[in-house]
Amino acid sequence: MPSGQQARAQAAAITPAGQSVDHDRVPADRVRALFDGHRLSPGQRRIAQYLIDHLTEAAFLSITELAERVGVSQPSVTRFATALGFSGYPALREVLQPMALSAVAGSPESREEIRRNELQAAVDAEIANLENVRRLLADTNQVLDIGRELARSVPLTVLGLRISVSLAEYFAYAARRIHPDVRVVTRGGSVAYDALLQSRAAGGSWVLAFAMPRHAKETLAALRAARSTGLKVALITDLTLGPLVEEADVALTAGTGSRLVFDSYAAPGVLAAALLQAMADADPERTQARLESYEQVADLHNFFL
């Protein structure tokens, strides 16, 4: 029996132009995408999880029935829908019902979806992820606040394990141009704990963590270790729910592209760049001075442009 990634490789195999292919997206993933980019309260997370786990039934429940099943009040369901950008629960249910019907039928929702090829479908999925990040950034205050906190943390620790190493190293590489002391943690276990402890002892107050799927237990352990040392955690992840988010002081969600054999990270990359901009904006004088110094060093190395 093929592994999960082997199955993805087979499903994503590129079909020559002119041949049609079924692109039905797993309904639970599509429901989960509705919650990306939204900071939810514990009660709202329970509603979200119930919708994910019981889509085919929950999409047709009244607001009273859904509230009773989840164990929350009717106003809580309404606030949950409005937190996602809907006018109310009926508007959210209108979006959920076609997904539920698609899950039951097990077929694509439209001829347009059938006509797309695998690579276009992957790009379309990333566009949807970027749209969710765009909605998240509609209110810039949260990102600006986090940027200020990260800029003030000296040293600033950036953590990314396994597949998240590349995102952490990208962020750290850029952040070093505007921040005096950026430290990267890319190994788990005692190595991560020692690095986090040293960062806190040196005066650091925040760690920025990247956690992309598949989520390793060592990432969760590293976040808990950071909290135990007294560091606050800002987390960029694809998850809206779960233990990683619960360990974070601030969580920003950005979906990963999962239509191909290997994930793609357009949305997390844009969100990381937005945080870098917020850090730069937090201390314009320091940013300008450090960028000028960097340019002088770059000139000495005669970069070919």
C-alpha atoms as a PDB file:
ATOM      1  CA  MET A   1       0.000   0.000   0.000  1.00  0.00           C
ATOM      2  CA  PRO A   2       1.530   3.366  -0.988  1.00  0.00           C
ATOM      3  CA  SER A   3       2.511   5.892   1.660  1.00  0.00           C
ATOM      4  CA  GLY A   4       0.744   9.240   1.925  1.00  0.00           C
ATOM      5  CA  GLN A   5       3.455  10.957  -0.092  1.00  0.00           C
ATOM      6  CA  GLN A   6       3.529   8.173  -2.670  1.00  0.00           C
ATOM      7  CA  ALA A   7      -0.219   8.580  -3.112  1.00  0.00           C
ATOM      8  CA  ARG A   8       0.251  12.321  -3.563  1.00  0.00           C
ATOM      9  CA  ALA A   9       2.950  11.706  -6.162  1.00  0.00           C
ATOM     10  CA  GLN A  10       0.621   9.451  -8.122  1.00  0.00           C
ATOM     11  CA  ALA A  11      -2.318  11.859  -7.859  1.00  0.00           C
ATOM     12  CA  ALA A  12      -0.173  14.841  -8.907  1.00  0.00           C
ATOM     13  CA  ALA A  13       1.482  13.145 -11.869  1.00  0.00           C
ATOM     14  CA  ILE A  14       1.406  15.608 -14.763  1.00  0.00           C
ATOM     15  CA  THR A  15      -1.128  14.668 -17.421  1.00  0.00           C
ATOM     16  CA  PRO A  16      -0.342  15.812 -20.982  1.00  0.00           C
ATOM     17  CA  ALA A  17      -2.410  18.720 -22.296  1.00  0.00           C
ATOM     18  CA  GLY A  18      -5.774  17.671 -23.632  1.00  0.00           C
ATOM     19  CA  GLN A  19      -6.308  14.861 -21.136  1.00  0.00           C
ATOM     20  CA  SER A  20      -8.801  15.500 -18.372  1.00  0.00           C
ATOM     21  CA  VAL A  21      -8.210  14.565 -14.756  1.00  0.00           C
ATOM     22  CA  ASP A  22     -10.239  14.593 -11.539  1.00  0.00           C
ATOM     23  CA  HIS A  23      -9.079  17.427  -9.251  1.00  0.00           C
ATOM     24  CA  ASP A  24     -11.504  17.029  -6.388  1.00  0.00           C
ATOM     25  CA  ARG A  25      -9.903  18.508  -3.298  1.00  0.00           C
ATOM     26  CA  VAL A  26     -10.356  16.736   0.018  1.00  0.00           C
ATOM     27  CA  PRO A  27     -13.432  18.494   1.509  1.00  0.00           C
ATOM     28  CA  ALA A  28     -11.957  18.635   5.015  1.00  0.00           C
ATOM     29  CA  ASP A  29      -8.962  20.541   3.625  1.00  0.00           C
ATOM     30  CA  ARG A  30     -11.274  23.017   1.937  1.00  0.00           C
ATOM     31  CA  VAL A  31     -13.240  23.561   5.139  1.00  0.00           C
ATOM     32  CA  ARG A  32     -10.001  23.986   7.077  1.00  0.00           C
ATOM     33  CA  ALA A  33      -8.884  26.605   4.545  1.00  0.00           C
ATOM     34  CA  LEU A  34     -11.837  28.785   5.587  1.00  0.00           C
ATOM     35  CA  PHE A  35     -10.249  29.140   9.021  1.00  0.00           C
ATOM     36  CA  ASP A  36      -6.713  29.949   7.844  1.00  0.00           C
ATOM     37  CA  GLY A  37      -5.561  33.424   8.797  1.00  0.00           C
ATOM     38  CA  HIS A  38      -8.093  33.860  11.607  1.00  0.00           C
ATOM     39  CA  ARG A  39      -7.302  33.968  15.302  1.00  0.00           C
ATOM     40  CA  LEU A  40     -10.022  31.921  16.996  1.00  0.00           C
ATOM     41  CA  SER A  41     -11.019  31.678  20.633  1.00  0.00           C
ATOM     42  CA  PRO A  42     -11.084  28.236  22.304  1.00  0.00           C
ATOM     43  CA  GLY A  43     -14.860  28.036  21.827  1.00  0.00           C
ATOM     44  CA  GLN A  44     -14.542  29.015  18.187  1.00  0.00           C
ATOM     45  CA  ARG A  45     -11.852  26.370  17.688  1.00  0.00           C
ATOM     46  CA  ARG A  46     -14.314  23.755  18.960  1.00  0.00           C
ATOM     47  CA  ILE A  47     -16.881  24.906  16.406  1.00  0.00           C
ATOM     48  CA  ALA A  48     -14.281  24.796  13.644  1.00  0.00           C
ATOM     49  CA  GLN A  49     -13.140  21.310  14.606  1.00  0.00           C
ATOM     50  CA  TYR A  50     -16.716  20.052  14.716  1.00  0.00           C
ATOM     51  CA  LEU A  51     -17.350  21.390  11.211  1.00  0.00           C
ATOM     52  CA  ILE A  52     -14.193  19.687   9.944  1.00  0.00           C
ATOM     53  CA  ASP A  53     -15.002  16.361  11.603  1.00  0.00           C
ATOM     54  CA  HIS A  54     -18.733  16.284  10.798  1.00  0.00           C
ATOM     55  CA  LEU A  55     -18.997  18.284   7.573  1.00  0.00           C
ATOM     56  CA  THR A  56     -21.683  16.285   5.791  1.00  0.00           C
ATOM     57  CA  GLU A  57     -24.012  16.584   8.777  1.00  0.00           C
ATOM     58  CA  ALA A  58     -22.977  19.928  10.270  1.00  0.00           C
ATOM     59  CA  ALA A  59     -23.437  21.878   7.030  1.00  0.00           C
ATOM     60  CA  PHE A  60     -27.195  21.306   7.255  1.00  0.00           C
ATOM     61  CA  LEU A  61     -27.715  21.987  10.957  1.00  0.00           C
ATOM     62  CA  SER A  62     -29.546  25.033  12.217  1.00  0.00           C
ATOM     63  CA  ILE A  63     -27.672  27.477  14.398  1.00  0.00           C
ATOM     64  CA  THR A  64     -29.471  26.056  17.442  1.00  0.00           C
ATOM     65  CA  GLU A  65     -28.570  22.481  16.551  1.00  0.00           C
ATOM     66  CA  LEU A  66     -24.925  23.315  15.871  1.00  0.00           C
ATOM     67  CA  ALA A  67     -24.606  25.221  19.156  1.00  0.00           C
ATOM     68  CA  GLU A  68     -26.057  22.258  21.054  1.00  0.00           C
ATOM     69  CA  ARG A  69     -23.774  19.725  19.345  1.00  0.00           C
ATOM     70  CA  VAL A  70     -20.648  21.760  20.081  1.00  0.00           C
ATOM     71  CA  GLY A  71     -21.712  22.894  23.549  1.00  0.00           C
ATOM     72  CA  VAL A  72     -21.616  26.645  22.941  1.00  0.00           C
ATOM     73  CA  SER A  73     -24.212  29.408  22.806  1.00  0.00           C
ATOM     74  CA  GLN A  74     -26.001  30.533  19.645  1.00  0.00           C
ATOM     75  CA  PRO A  75     -24.321  33.979  19.826  1.00  0.00           C
ATOM     76  CA  SER A  76     -20.974  32.169  19.905  1.00  0.00           C
ATOM     77  CA  VAL A  77     -21.804  30.496  16.580  1.00  0.00           C
ATOM     78  CA  THR A  78     -22.777  33.876  15.122  1.00  0.00           C
ATOM     79  CA  ARG A  79     -19.547  35.476  16.357  1.00  0.00           C
ATOM     80  CA  PHE A  80     -17.601  32.553  14.895  1.00  0.00           C
ATOM     81  CA  ALA A  81     -19.148  33.141  11.456  1.00  0.00           C
ATOM     82  CA  THR A  82     -18.509  36.888  11.572  1.00  0.00           C
ATOM     83  CA  ALA A  83     -14.909  36.283  12.712  1.00  0.00           C
ATOM     84  CA  LEU A  84     -14.414  34.396   9.438  1.00  0.00           C
ATOM     85  CA  GLY A  85     -15.730  37.361   7.461  1.00  0.00           C
ATOM     86  CA  PHE A  86     -19.312  36.166   6.895  1.00  0.00           C
ATOM     87  CA  SER A  87     -22.428  38.229   7.587  1.00  0.00           C
ATOM     88  CA  GLY A  88     -23.699  35.480   9.868  1.00  0.00           C
ATOM     89  CA  TYR A  89     -24.105  31.747  10.266  1.00  0.00           C
ATOM     90  CA  PRO A  90     -26.545  31.339   7.315  1.00  0.00           C
ATOM     91  CA  ALA A  91     -23.931  32.825   4.965  1.00  0.00           C
ATOM     92  CA  LEU A  92     -21.276  30.442   6.291  1.00  0.00           C
ATOM     93  CA  ARG A  93     -23.647  27.495   5.910  1.00  0.00           C
ATOM     94  CA  GLU A  94     -24.281  28.412   2.271  1.00  0.00           C
ATOM     95  CA  VAL A  95     -20.548  27.976   1.629  1.00  0.00           C
ATOM     96  CA  LEU A  96     -20.314  24.727   3.611  1.00  0.00           C
ATOM     97  CA  GLN A  97     -23.239  22.942   1.978  1.00  0.00           C
ATOM     98  CA  PRO A  98     -21.711  22.563  -1.535  1.00  0.00           C
ATOM     99  CA  MET A  99     -18.570  21.205   0.107  1.00  0.00           C
ATOM    100  CA  ALA A 100     -20.658  18.682   2.044  1.00  0.00           C
ATOM    101  CA  LEU A 101     -22.526  17.619  -1.095  1.00  0.00           C
ATOM    102  CA  SER A 102     -19.223  17.263  -2.929  1.00  0.00           C
ATOM    103  CA  ALA A 103     -17.921  15.042  -0.127  1.00  0.00           C
ATOM    104  CA  VAL A 104     -20.969  12.810  -0.419  1.00  0.00           C
ATOM    105  CA  ALA A 105     -20.856  12.660  -4.207  1.00  0.00           C
ATOM    106  CA  GLY A 106     -17.069  12.296  -4.353  1.00  0.00           C
ATOM    107  CA  SER A 107     -16.917  14.254  -7.605  1.00  0.00           C
ATOM    108  CA  PRO A 108     -15.611  17.615  -8.868  1.00  0.00           C
ATOM    109  CA  GLU A 109     -17.908  20.561  -8.327  1.00  0.00           C
ATOM    110  CA  SER A 110     -17.756  22.035 -11.797  1.00  0.00           C
ATOM    111  CA  ARG A 111     -16.636  21.485 -15.370  1.00  0.00           C
ATOM    112  CA  GLU A 112     -14.062  24.232 -14.886  1.00  0.00           C
ATOM    113  CA  GLU A 113     -12.418  22.164 -12.157  1.00  0.00           C
ATOM    114  CA  ILE A 114     -12.263  19.169 -14.508  1.00  0.00           C
ATOM    115  CA  ARG A 115     -10.617  21.207 -17.270  1.00  0.00           C
ATOM    116  CA  ARG A 116      -7.734  22.401 -15.118  1.00  0.00           C
ATOM    117  CA  ASN A 117      -4.494  20.461 -15.244  1.00  0.00           C
ATOM    118  CA  GLU A 118      -2.556  19.428 -12.167  1.00  0.00           C
ATOM    119  CA  LEU A 119      -0.087  22.296 -12.227  1.00  0.00           C
ATOM    120  CA  GLN A 120      -2.834  24.891 -12.668  1.00  0.00           C
ATOM    121  CA  ALA A 121      -4.747  23.332  -9.791  1.00  0.00           C
ATOM    122  CA  ALA A 122      -1.653  23.645  -7.593  1.00  0.00           C
ATOM    123  CA  VAL A 123      -1.300  27.321  -8.521  1.00  0.00           C
ATOM    124  CA  ASP A 124      -5.010  27.904  -7.881  1.00  0.00           C
ATOM    125  CA  ALA A 125      -4.625  26.371  -4.423  1.00  0.00           C
ATOM    126  CA  GLU A 126      -1.725  28.714  -3.666  1.00  0.00           C
ATOM    127  CA  ILE A 127      -3.755  31.684  -4.875  1.00  0.00           C
ATOM    128  CA  ALA A 128      -6.438  30.691  -2.375  1.00  0.00           C
ATOM    129  CA  ASN A 129      -3.786  30.499   0.365  1.00  0.00           C
ATOM    130  CA  LEU A 130      -2.536  33.961  -0.577  1.00  0.00           C
ATOM    131  CA  GLU A 131      -6.088  35.317  -0.533  1.00  0.00           C
ATOM    132  CA  ASN A 132      -6.407  34.067   3.045  1.00  0.00           C
ATOM    133  CA  VAL A 133      -3.180  35.850   3.972  1.00  0.00           C
ATOM    134  CA  ARG A 134      -4.496  38.980   2.253  1.00  0.00           C
ATOM    135  CA  ARG A 135      -7.585  38.864   4.482  1.00  0.00           C
ATOM    136  CA  LEU A 136      -5.358  38.360   7.522  1.00  0.00           C
ATOM    137  CA  LEU A 137      -3.352  41.470   6.622  1.00  0.00           C
ATOM    138  CA  ALA A 138      -6.458  43.631   6.128  1.00  0.00           C
ATOM    139  CA  ASP A 139      -5.951  44.736   9.735  1.00  0.00           C
ATOM    140  CA  THR A 140      -2.266  45.644   9.878  1.00  0.00           C
ATOM    141  CA  ASN A 141      -2.199  46.291  13.618  1.00  0.00           C
ATOM    142  CA  GLN A 142      -1.503  42.683  14.604  1.00  0.00           C
ATOM    143  CA  VAL A 143       1.438  42.258  12.247  1.00  0.00           C
ATOM    144  CA  LEU A 144       2.847  45.679  13.187  1.00  0.00           C
ATOM    145  CA  ASP A 145       2.564  44.838  16.891  1.00  0.00           C
ATOM    146  CA  ILE A 146       4.362  41.515  16.419  1.00  0.00           C
ATOM    147  CA  GLY A 147       7.033  43.204  14.310  1.00  0.00           C
ATOM    148  CA  ARG A 148       7.704  45.718  17.078  1.00  0.00           C
ATOM    149  CA  GLU A 149       8.041  42.953  19.660  1.00  0.00           C
ATOM    150  CA  LEU A 150      10.421  40.940  17.483  1.00  0.00           C
ATOM    151  CA  ALA A 151      12.491  44.043  16.756  1.00  0.00           C
ATOM    152  CA  ARG A 152      12.838  44.760  20.481  1.00  0.00           C
ATOM    153  CA  SER A 153      13.928  41.217  21.323  1.00  0.00           C
ATOM    154  CA  VAL A 154      17.726  41.172  21.445  1.00  0.00           C
ATOM    155  CA  PRO A 155      18.682  38.503  20.697  1.00  0.00           C
ATOM    156  CA  LEU A 156      15.845  37.330  18.468  1.00  0.00           C
ATOM    157  CA  THR A 157      15.599  33.572  18.036  1.00  0.00           C
ATOM    158  CA  VAL A 158      14.143  32.078  14.857  1.00  0.00           C
ATOM    159  CA  LEU A 159      13.180  28.406  15.036  1.00  0.00           C
ATOM    160  CA  GLY A 160      12.365  25.990  12.231  1.00  0.00           C
ATOM    161  CA  LEU A 161      12.840  22.239  12.277  1.00  0.00           C
ATOM    162  CA  ARG A 162      12.797  19.677   9.463  1.00  0.00           C
ATOM    163  CA  ILE A 163      10.880  21.015   6.438  1.00  0.00           C
ATOM    164  CA  SER A 164      10.539  24.431   8.134  1.00  0.00           C
ATOM    165  CA  VAL A 165      14.311  25.001   8.182  1.00  0.00           C
ATOM    166  CA  SER A 166      14.265  26.823   4.844  1.00  0.00           C
ATOM    167  CA  LEU A 167      11.639  29.344   6.000  1.00  0.00           C
ATOM    168  CA  ALA A 168      13.516  29.988   9.242  1.00  0.00           C
ATOM    169  CA  GLU A 169      16.829  30.491   7.461  1.00  0.00           C
ATOM    170  CA  TYR A 170      15.263  32.823   4.885  1.00  0.00           C
ATOM    171  CA  PHE A 171      13.739  34.953   7.639  1.00  0.00           C
ATOM    172  CA  ALA A 172      16.950  35.007   9.680  1.00  0.00           C
ATOM    173  CA  TYR A 173      19.095  35.879   6.651  1.00  0.00           C
ATOM    174  CA  ALA A 174      16.949  38.927   5.907  1.00  0.00           C
ATOM    175  CA  ALA A 175      16.380  39.876   9.557  1.00  0.00           C
ATOM    176  CA  ARG A 176      20.127  40.095  10.209  1.00  0.00           C
ATOM    177  CA  ARG A 177      20.264  43.069   7.867  1.00  0.00           C
ATOM    178  CA  ILE A 178      17.980  45.089  10.153  1.00  0.00           C
ATOM    179  CA  HIS A 179      18.426  43.436  13.578  1.00  0.00           C
ATOM    180  CA  PRO A 180      21.653  43.322  15.636  1.00  0.00           C
ATOM    181  CA  ASP A 181      21.420  39.750  16.944  1.00  0.00           C
ATOM    182  CA  VAL A 182      19.424  37.020  15.180  1.00  0.00           C
ATOM    183  CA  ARG A 183      19.941  33.396  16.175  1.00  0.00           C
ATOM    184  CA  VAL A 184      18.642  30.403  14.227  1.00  0.00           C
ATOM    185  CA  VAL A 185      17.620  27.081  15.746  1.00  0.00           C
ATOM    186  CA  THR A 186      17.248  24.279  13.218  1.00  0.00           C
ATOM    187  CA  ARG A 187      17.871  21.235  15.417  1.00  0.00           C
ATOM    188  CA  GLY A 188      15.535  19.854  18.039  1.00  0.00           C
ATOM    189  CA  GLY A 189      16.057  18.113  21.355  1.00  0.00           C
ATOM    190  CA  SER A 190      18.684  19.302  23.811  1.00  0.00           C
ATOM    191  CA  VAL A 191      20.356  21.438  21.124  1.00  0.00           C
ATOM    192  CA  ALA A 192      17.207  23.517  20.747  1.00  0.00           C
ATOM    193  CA  TYR A 193      16.674  23.754  24.495  1.00  0.00           C
ATOM    194  CA  ASP A 194      20.242  24.949  25.117  1.00  0.00           C
ATOM    195  CA  ALA A 195      19.977  27.560  22.354  1.00  0.00           C
ATOM    196  CA  LEU A 196      16.652  28.853  23.693  1.00  0.00           C
ATOM    197  CA  LEU A 197      17.975  28.981  27.238  1.00  0.00           C
ATOM    198  CA  GLN A 198      21.048  30.931  26.099  1.00  0.00           C
ATOM    199  CA  SER A 199      18.900  33.346  24.140  1.00  0.00           C
ATOM    200  CA  ARG A 200      16.746  34.059  27.159  1.00  0.00           C
ATOM    201  CA  ALA A 201      19.794  34.449  29.397  1.00  0.00           C
ATOM    202  CA  ALA A 202      21.236  36.974  26.927  1.00  0.00           C
ATOM    203  CA  GLY A 203      18.125  39.121  27.229  1.00  0.00           C
ATOM    204  CA  GLY A 204      15.917  37.776  24.442  1.00  0.00           C
ATOM    205  CA  SER A 205      12.171  37.942  24.937  1.00  0.00           C
ATOM    206  CA  TRP A 206      10.703  36.369  21.780  1.00  0.00           C
ATOM    207  CA  VAL A 207      11.173  33.394  19.491  1.00  0.00           C
ATOM    208  CA  LEU A 208       9.648  33.304  16.020  1.00  0.00           C
ATOM    209  CA  ALA A 209       8.821  29.720  15.060  1.00  0.00           C
ATOM    210  CA  PHE A 210       7.864  28.213  11.712  1.00  0.00           C
ATOM    211  CA  ALA A 211       5.891  24.958  11.751  1.00  0.00           C
ATOM    212  CA  MET A 212       4.843  23.507   8.416  1.00  0.00           C
ATOM    213  CA  PRO A 213       3.476  19.996   7.825  1.00  0.00           C
ATOM    214  CA  ARG A 214       4.213  17.308   8.604  1.00  0.00           C
ATOM    215  CA  HIS A 215       4.336  18.534  12.177  1.00  0.00           C
ATOM    216  CA  ALA A 216       6.957  16.812  14.286  1.00  0.00           C
ATOM    217  CA  LYS A 217       6.695  16.187  18.003  1.00  0.00           C
ATOM    218  CA  GLU A 218      10.109  17.814  18.414  1.00  0.00           C
ATOM    219  CA  THR A 219       8.650  21.115  17.170  1.00  0.00           C
ATOM    220  CA  LEU A 220       5.976  21.002  19.853  1.00  0.00           C
ATOM    221  CA  ALA A 221       8.652  20.118  22.419  1.00  0.00           C
ATOM    222  CA  ALA A 222      10.776  23.079  21.278  1.00  0.00           C
ATOM    223  CA  LEU A 223       7.842  25.492  21.655  1.00  0.00           C
ATOM    224  CA  ARG A 224       7.172  24.195  25.149  1.00  0.00           C
ATOM    225  CA  ALA A 225      10.865  24.525  25.959  1.00  0.00           C
ATOM    226  CA  ALA A 226      10.813  28.133  24.759  1.00  0.00           C
ATOM    227  CA  ARG A 227       7.842  28.899  26.988  1.00  0.00           C
ATOM    228  CA  SER A 228       9.545  27.193  29.939  1.00  0.00           C
ATOM    229  CA  THR A 229      12.582  29.477  29.595  1.00  0.00           C
ATOM    230  CA  GLY A 230      10.362  32.561  29.689  1.00  0.00           C
ATOM    231  CA  LEU A 231      10.440  33.335  25.973  1.00  0.00           C
ATOM    232  CA  LYS A 232       7.240  34.356  24.223  1.00  0.00           C
ATOM    233  CA  VAL A 233       6.372  32.508  21.027  1.00  0.00           C
ATOM    234  CA  ALA A 234       5.200  33.973  17.720  1.00  0.00           C
ATOM    235  CA  LEU A 235       4.211  31.137  15.405  1.00  0.00           C
ATOM    236  CA  ILE A 236       3.737  30.973  11.639  1.00  0.00           C
ATOM    237  CA  THR A 237       1.966  27.735  10.755  1.00  0.00           C
ATOM    238  CA  ASP A 238      -0.677  26.263   8.502  1.00  0.00           C
ATOM    239  CA  LEU A 239      -2.748  25.196  11.504  1.00  0.00           C
ATOM    240  CA  THR A 240      -5.653  27.101  13.011  1.00  0.00           C
ATOM    241  CA  LEU A 241      -6.244  24.453  15.658  1.00  0.00           C
ATOM    242  CA  GLY A 242      -4.139  22.077  17.708  1.00  0.00           C
ATOM    243  CA  PRO A 243      -1.381  21.925  20.330  1.00  0.00           C
ATOM    244  CA  LEU A 244       1.151  24.012  18.403  1.00  0.00           C
ATOM    245  CA  VAL A 245      -1.222  26.977  18.300  1.00  0.00           C
ATOM    246  CA  GLU A 246      -2.078  26.510  21.966  1.00  0.00           C
ATOM    247  CA  GLU A 247       1.606  26.854  22.892  1.00  0.00           C
ATOM    248  CA  ALA A 248       2.001  30.129  20.985  1.00  0.00           C
ATOM    249  CA  ASP A 249       1.432  33.600  22.385  1.00  0.00           C
ATOM    250  CA  VAL A 250       0.608  34.764  18.865  1.00  0.00           C
ATOM    251  CA  ALA A 251      -0.198  32.509  15.905  1.00  0.00           C
ATOM    252  CA  LEU A 252      -0.423  33.590  12.271  1.00  0.00           C
ATOM    253  CA  THR A 253      -1.774  30.998   9.875  1.00  0.00           C
ATOM    254  CA  ALA A 254      -0.802  30.599   6.237  1.00  0.00           C
ATOM    255  CA  GLY A 255      -1.781  27.547   4.251  1.00  0.00           C
ATOM    256  CA  THR A 256       0.744  25.425   2.380  1.00  0.00           C
ATOM    257  CA  GLY A 257       0.230  24.212  -1.167  1.00  0.00           C
ATOM    258  CA  SER A 258      -0.393  20.473  -0.983  1.00  0.00           C
ATOM    259  CA  ARG A 259      -1.570  19.585  -4.493  1.00  0.00           C
ATOM    260  CA  LEU A 260       1.803  18.266  -5.655  1.00  0.00           C
ATOM    261  CA  VAL A 261       4.102  15.596  -4.272  1.00  0.00           C
ATOM    262  CA  PHE A 262       6.032  18.220  -2.242  1.00  0.00           C
ATOM    263  CA  ASP A 263       4.409  21.156  -0.464  1.00  0.00           C
ATOM    264  CA  SER A 264       4.889  24.738  -1.620  1.00  0.00           C
ATOM    265  CA  TYR A 265       5.111  27.758   0.676  1.00  0.00           C
ATOM    266  CA  ALA A 266       4.020  30.908  -1.136  1.00  0.00           C
ATOM    267  CA  ALA A 267       1.685  32.093   1.619  1.00  0.00           C
ATOM    268  CA  PRO A 268       4.048  31.477   4.584  1.00  0.00           C
ATOM    269  CA  GLY A 269       6.795  33.228   2.600  1.00  0.00           C
ATOM    270  CA  VAL A 270       4.663  36.328   2.042  1.00  0.00           C
ATOM    271  CA  LEU A 271       3.646  36.369   5.702  1.00  0.00           C
ATOM    272  CA  ALA A 272       7.309  36.126   6.748  1.00  0.00           C
ATOM    273  CA  ALA A 273       8.160  39.036   4.437  1.00  0.00           C
ATOM    274  CA  ALA A 274       5.332  41.080   5.976  1.00  0.00           C
ATOM    275  CA  LEU A 275       6.788  40.477   9.447  1.00  0.00           C
ATOM    276  CA  LEU A 276      10.214  41.567   8.215  1.00  0.00           C
ATOM    277  CA  GLN A 277       8.646  44.775   6.908  1.00  0.00           C
ATOM    278  CA  ALA A 278       6.954  45.333  10.263  1.00  0.00           C
ATOM    279  CA  MET A 279      10.309  44.869  12.030  1.00  0.00           C
ATOM    280  CA  ALA A 280      11.906  47.398   9.697  1.00  0.00           C
ATOM    281  CA  ASP A 281       9.093  49.868  10.327  1.00  0.00           C
ATOM    282  CA  ALA A 282       9.431  49.455  14.099  1.00  0.00           C
ATOM    283  CA  ASP A 283      12.832  51.194  14.199  1.00  0.00           C
ATOM    284  CA  PRO A 284      13.396  53.127  10.949  1.00  0.00           C
ATOM    285  CA  GLU A 285      16.655  54.750  12.086  1.00  0.00           C
ATOM    286  CA  ARG A 286      18.272  51.453  13.063  1.00  0.00           C
ATOM    287  CA  THR A 287      16.962  49.848   9.890  1.00  0.00           C
ATOM    288  CA  GLN A 288      18.412  52.583   7.701  1.00  0.00           C
ATOM    289  CA  ALA A 289      21.782  52.518   9.437  1.00  0.00           C
ATOM    290  CA  ARG A 290      22.106  48.748   9.204  1.00  0.00           C
ATOM    291  CA  LEU A 291      21.000  48.628   5.566  1.00  0.00           C
ATOM    292  CA  GLU A 292      23.552  51.304   4.648  1.00  0.00           C
ATOM    293  CA  SER A 293      26.249  49.339   6.444  1.00  0.00           C
ATOM    294  CA  TYR A 294      25.212  46.182   4.618  1.00  0.00           C
ATOM    295  CA  GLU A 295      25.339  47.919   1.250  1.00  0.00           C
ATOM    296  CA  GLN A 296      28.867  49.124   1.970  1.00  0.00           C
ATOM    297  CA  VAL A 297      29.972  45.581   2.750  1.00  0.00           C
ATOM    298  CA  ALA A 298      28.195  44.310  -0.361  1.00  0.00           C
ATOM    299  CA  ASP A 299      30.026  46.856  -2.501  1.00  0.00           C
ATOM    300  CA  LEU A 300      33.330  45.587  -1.145  1.00  0.00           C
ATOM    301  CA  HIS A 301      32.450  42.067  -2.272  1.00  0.00           C
ATOM    302  CA  ASN A 302      31.614  43.340  -5.770  1.00  0.00           C
ATOM    303  CA  PHE A 303      28.345  41.499  -6.198  1.00  0.00           C
ATOM    304  CA  PHE A 304      27.506  40.915  -9.845  1.00  0.00           C
ATOM    305  CA  LEU A 305      24.061  42.338 -10.636  1.00  0.00           C
END
